[in-house]
C-alpha atoms as a PDB file:
ATOM      1  CA  MET A   1       0.006  -0.001   0.006  1.00  0.00           C
ATOM      2  CA  GLU A   2       2.940   2.354   0.568  1.00  0.00           C
ATOM      3  CA  GLN A   3       3.410   2.586  -3.197  1.00  0.00           C
ATOM      4  CA  GLY A   4      -0.248   3.518  -3.574  1.00  0.00           C
ATOM      5  CA  ILE A   5      -1.229   0.202  -5.134  1.00  0.00           C
ATOM      6  CA  ILE A   6      -3.912  -1.943  -3.553  1.00  0.00           C
ATOM      7  CA  PRO A   7      -4.313  -5.685  -4.187  1.00  0.00           C
ATOM      8  CA  GLU A   8      -7.950  -5.419  -5.307  1.00  0.00           C
ATOM      9  CA  ALA A   9      -9.603  -2.590  -7.243  1.00  0.00           C
ATOM     10  CA  ASN A  10     -13.294  -1.869  -6.795  1.00  0.00           C
ATOM     11  CA  PRO A  11     -13.782   1.821  -7.720  1.00  0.00           C
ATOM     12  CA  THR A  12     -16.746   3.459  -6.040  1.00  0.00           C
ATOM     13  CA  PHE A  13     -18.492   6.624  -7.251  1.00  0.00           C
ATOM     14  CA  GLU A  14     -22.039   7.698  -8.070  1.00  0.00           C
ATOM     15  CA  GLY A  15     -23.755  10.481  -9.950  1.00  0.00           C
ATOM     16  CA  ARG A  16     -25.078  11.758 -13.225  1.00  0.00           C
ATOM     17  CA  TRP A  17     -24.056  14.270 -15.832  1.00  0.00           C
ATOM     18  CA  GLY A  18     -25.452  17.687 -15.030  1.00  0.00           C
ATOM     19  CA  ALA A  19     -25.573  17.178 -11.274  1.00  0.00           C
ATOM     20  CA  PRO A  20     -25.141  20.661  -9.776  1.00  0.00           C
ATOM     21  CA  PHE A  21     -23.278  19.419  -6.694  1.00  0.00           C
ATOM     22  CA  PHE A  22     -20.032  17.472  -6.490  1.00  0.00           C
ATOM     23  CA  MET A  23     -18.966  15.888  -3.207  1.00  0.00           C
ATOM     24  CA  VAL A  24     -15.518  14.405  -2.541  1.00  0.00           C
ATOM     25  CA  GLY A  25     -15.039  11.861   0.232  1.00  0.00           C
ATOM     26  CA  GLN A  26     -11.810  10.385   1.561  1.00  0.00           C
ATOM     27  CA  ALA A  27     -12.164   6.753   0.400  1.00  0.00           C
ATOM     28  CA  PRO A  28     -14.841   4.062   0.358  1.00  0.00           C
ATOM     29  CA  GLY A  29     -15.171   1.795   3.392  1.00  0.00           C
ATOM     30  CA  PRO A  30     -16.124  -1.893   3.667  1.00  0.00           C
ATOM     31  CA  ALA A  31     -19.853  -1.209   3.155  1.00  0.00           C
ATOM     32  CA  GLU A  32     -19.138   0.815   0.029  1.00  0.00           C
ATOM     33  CA  LYS A  33     -16.853  -1.910  -1.272  1.00  0.00           C
ATOM     34  CA  ALA A  34     -19.721  -4.390  -0.897  1.00  0.00           C
ATOM     35  CA  THR A  35     -22.514  -2.199  -2.310  1.00  0.00           C
ATOM     36  CA  ARG A  36     -20.451  -0.190  -4.840  1.00  0.00           C
ATOM     37  CA  ARG A  37     -22.382   2.884  -3.609  1.00  0.00           C
ATOM     38  CA  PRO A  38     -20.611   5.809  -1.911  1.00  0.00           C
ATOM     39  CA  PHE A  39     -21.634   6.540   1.658  1.00  0.00           C
ATOM     40  CA  SER A  40     -23.759   3.409   2.028  1.00  0.00           C
ATOM     41  CA  GLY A  41     -22.401   2.484   5.465  1.00  0.00           C
ATOM     42  CA  ARG A  42     -22.282   4.208   8.828  1.00  0.00           C
ATOM     43  CA  ALA A  43     -20.796   7.426   7.386  1.00  0.00           C
ATOM     44  CA  GLY A  44     -23.664   7.502   4.877  1.00  0.00           C
ATOM     45  CA  LYS A  45     -26.256   7.501   7.649  1.00  0.00           C
ATOM     46  CA  GLU A  46     -24.517  10.512   9.184  1.00  0.00           C
ATOM     47  CA  LEU A  47     -24.312  12.203   5.777  1.00  0.00           C
ATOM     48  CA  ASP A  48     -28.062  11.619   5.283  1.00  0.00           C
ATOM     49  CA  ARG A  49     -28.798  13.374   8.599  1.00  0.00           C
ATOM     50  CA  TRP A  50     -26.576  16.302   7.624  1.00  0.00           C
ATOM     51  CA  MET A  51     -28.236  16.677   4.235  1.00  0.00           C
ATOM     52  CA  LEU A  52     -31.729  16.628   5.787  1.00  0.00           C
ATOM     53  CA  ARG A  53     -30.616  19.431   8.116  1.00  0.00           C
ATOM     54  CA  ALA A  54     -29.175  21.277   5.098  1.00  0.00           C
ATOM     55  CA  GLY A  55     -32.641  21.327   3.521  1.00  0.00           C
ATOM     56  CA  PHE A  56     -32.813  18.341   1.175  1.00  0.00           C
ATOM     57  CA  ARG A  57     -36.223  16.604   1.243  1.00  0.00           C
ATOM     58  CA  ASP A  58     -34.702  13.163   1.628  1.00  0.00           C
ATOM     59  CA  PRO A  59     -31.393  11.343   1.081  1.00  0.00           C
ATOM     60  CA  GLU A  60     -32.386  10.346  -2.457  1.00  0.00           C
ATOM     61  CA  GLU A  61     -32.956  13.982  -3.456  1.00  0.00           C
ATOM     62  CA  PHE A  62     -29.406  14.741  -2.303  1.00  0.00           C
ATOM     63  CA  ARG A  63     -28.059  11.797  -4.316  1.00  0.00           C
ATOM     64  CA  ARG A  64     -30.033  12.775  -7.428  1.00  0.00           C
ATOM     65  CA  LEU A  65     -28.464  16.239  -7.330  1.00  0.00           C
ATOM     66  CA  THR A  66     -24.928  15.234  -6.317  1.00  0.00           C
ATOM     67  CA  TYR A  67     -22.056  13.479  -8.028  1.00  0.00           C
ATOM     68  CA  ILE A  68     -20.119  11.645  -5.302  1.00  0.00           C
ATOM     69  CA  ALA A  69     -16.460  10.691  -5.730  1.00  0.00           C
ATOM     70  CA  ALA A  70     -13.468  10.181  -3.438  1.00  0.00           C
ATOM     71  CA  LEU A  71      -9.798  11.065  -3.228  1.00  0.00           C
ATOM     72  CA  MET A  72      -9.014   7.339  -3.297  1.00  0.00           C
ATOM     73  CA  ARG A  73     -11.398   5.267  -5.413  1.00  0.00           C
ATOM     74  CA  CYS A  74     -10.981   1.894  -3.703  1.00  0.00           C
ATOM     75  CA  PHE A  75     -11.227   0.666  -0.108  1.00  0.00           C
ATOM     76  CA  PRO A  76      -7.732   1.057   1.382  1.00  0.00           C
ATOM     77  CA  GLY A  77      -8.259  -1.676   3.996  1.00  0.00           C
ATOM     78  CA  ARG A  78      -8.393  -1.729   7.779  1.00  0.00           C
ATOM     79  CA  ASN A  79      -5.699  -0.127   9.888  1.00  0.00           C
ATOM     80  CA  PRO A  80      -3.250  -2.537  11.569  1.00  0.00           C
ATOM     81  CA  LYS A  81      -4.962  -2.183  14.970  1.00  0.00           C
ATOM     82  CA  ASN A  82      -8.327  -3.057  13.341  1.00  0.00           C
ATOM     83  CA  THR A  83      -9.905   0.024  14.925  1.00  0.00           C
ATOM     84  CA  GLY A  84     -10.945   1.682  11.693  1.00  0.00           C
ATOM     85  CA  ASP A  85     -10.078   2.059   8.047  1.00  0.00           C
ATOM     86  CA  LEU A  86      -6.655   3.005   6.773  1.00  0.00           C
ATOM     87  CA  ARG A  87      -6.233   6.616   5.871  1.00  0.00           C
ATOM     88  CA  PRO A  88      -5.367   6.734   2.161  1.00  0.00           C
ATOM     89  CA  PRO A  89      -1.602   7.166   1.802  1.00  0.00           C
ATOM     90  CA  PRO A  90      -0.435  10.111  -0.340  1.00  0.00           C
ATOM     91  CA  ALA A  91       0.805   7.751  -3.100  1.00  0.00           C
ATOM     92  CA  ALA A  92      -2.654   6.168  -3.406  1.00  0.00           C
ATOM     93  CA  VAL A  93      -4.354   9.549  -3.549  1.00  0.00           C
ATOM     94  CA  ALA A  94      -1.849  10.604  -6.235  1.00  0.00           C
ATOM     95  CA  ASN A  95      -2.588   7.450  -8.227  1.00  0.00           C
ATOM     96  CA  CYS A  96      -6.306   8.277  -8.230  1.00  0.00           C
ATOM     97  CA  ALA A  97      -5.990  12.055  -8.750  1.00  0.00           C
ATOM     98  CA  HIS A  98      -6.346  11.897 -12.526  1.00  0.00           C
ATOM     99  CA  TRP A  99      -9.866  10.422 -12.132  1.00  0.00           C
ATOM    100  CA  LEU A 100     -11.003  13.282  -9.920  1.00  0.00           C
ATOM    101  CA  ASP A 101      -9.360  15.878 -12.147  1.00  0.00           C
ATOM    102  CA  ALA A 102     -11.082  14.443 -15.240  1.00  0.00           C
ATOM    103  CA  GLU A 103     -14.484  14.293 -13.539  1.00  0.00           C
ATOM    104  CA  LEU A 104     -14.244  17.916 -12.447  1.00  0.00           C
ATOM    105  CA  ARG A 105     -13.177  19.033 -15.938  1.00  0.00           C
ATOM    106  CA  LEU A 106     -16.000  17.081 -17.609  1.00  0.00           C
ATOM    107  CA  LEU A 107     -18.837  17.674 -15.159  1.00  0.00           C
ATOM    108  CA  LYS A 108     -18.120  21.323 -14.282  1.00  0.00           C
ATOM    109  CA  PRO A 109     -20.255  21.255 -11.111  1.00  0.00           C
ATOM    110  CA  LYS A 110     -21.751  24.458  -9.741  1.00  0.00           C
ATOM    111  CA  VAL A 111     -20.868  23.574  -6.150  1.00  0.00           C
ATOM    112  CA  LEU A 112     -17.899  21.494  -5.012  1.00  0.00           C
END
């Protein structure tokens, strides 16, 4: 992982062309790896609560209007102490940066 290469790729992102909002997360977790949907685990439940407080009618309205990507596109694994997920190492973020750059250039969101 130090070189930024993971043993298994399972890129996770969601959204549609023309979405006015673009949200960037850190990296998918185990739930996202399984569902292939960003923020589908515990962090997603918290995100849903935040978006309701921000004025969205429901979580699906937020997802319809938002393209969701991440700095690192694949689950980086658990940390060695098994107390959470690994923080994406700089090399892994650098390896994925061209995807995020391309999405931003192509989608031109109104709000990032």
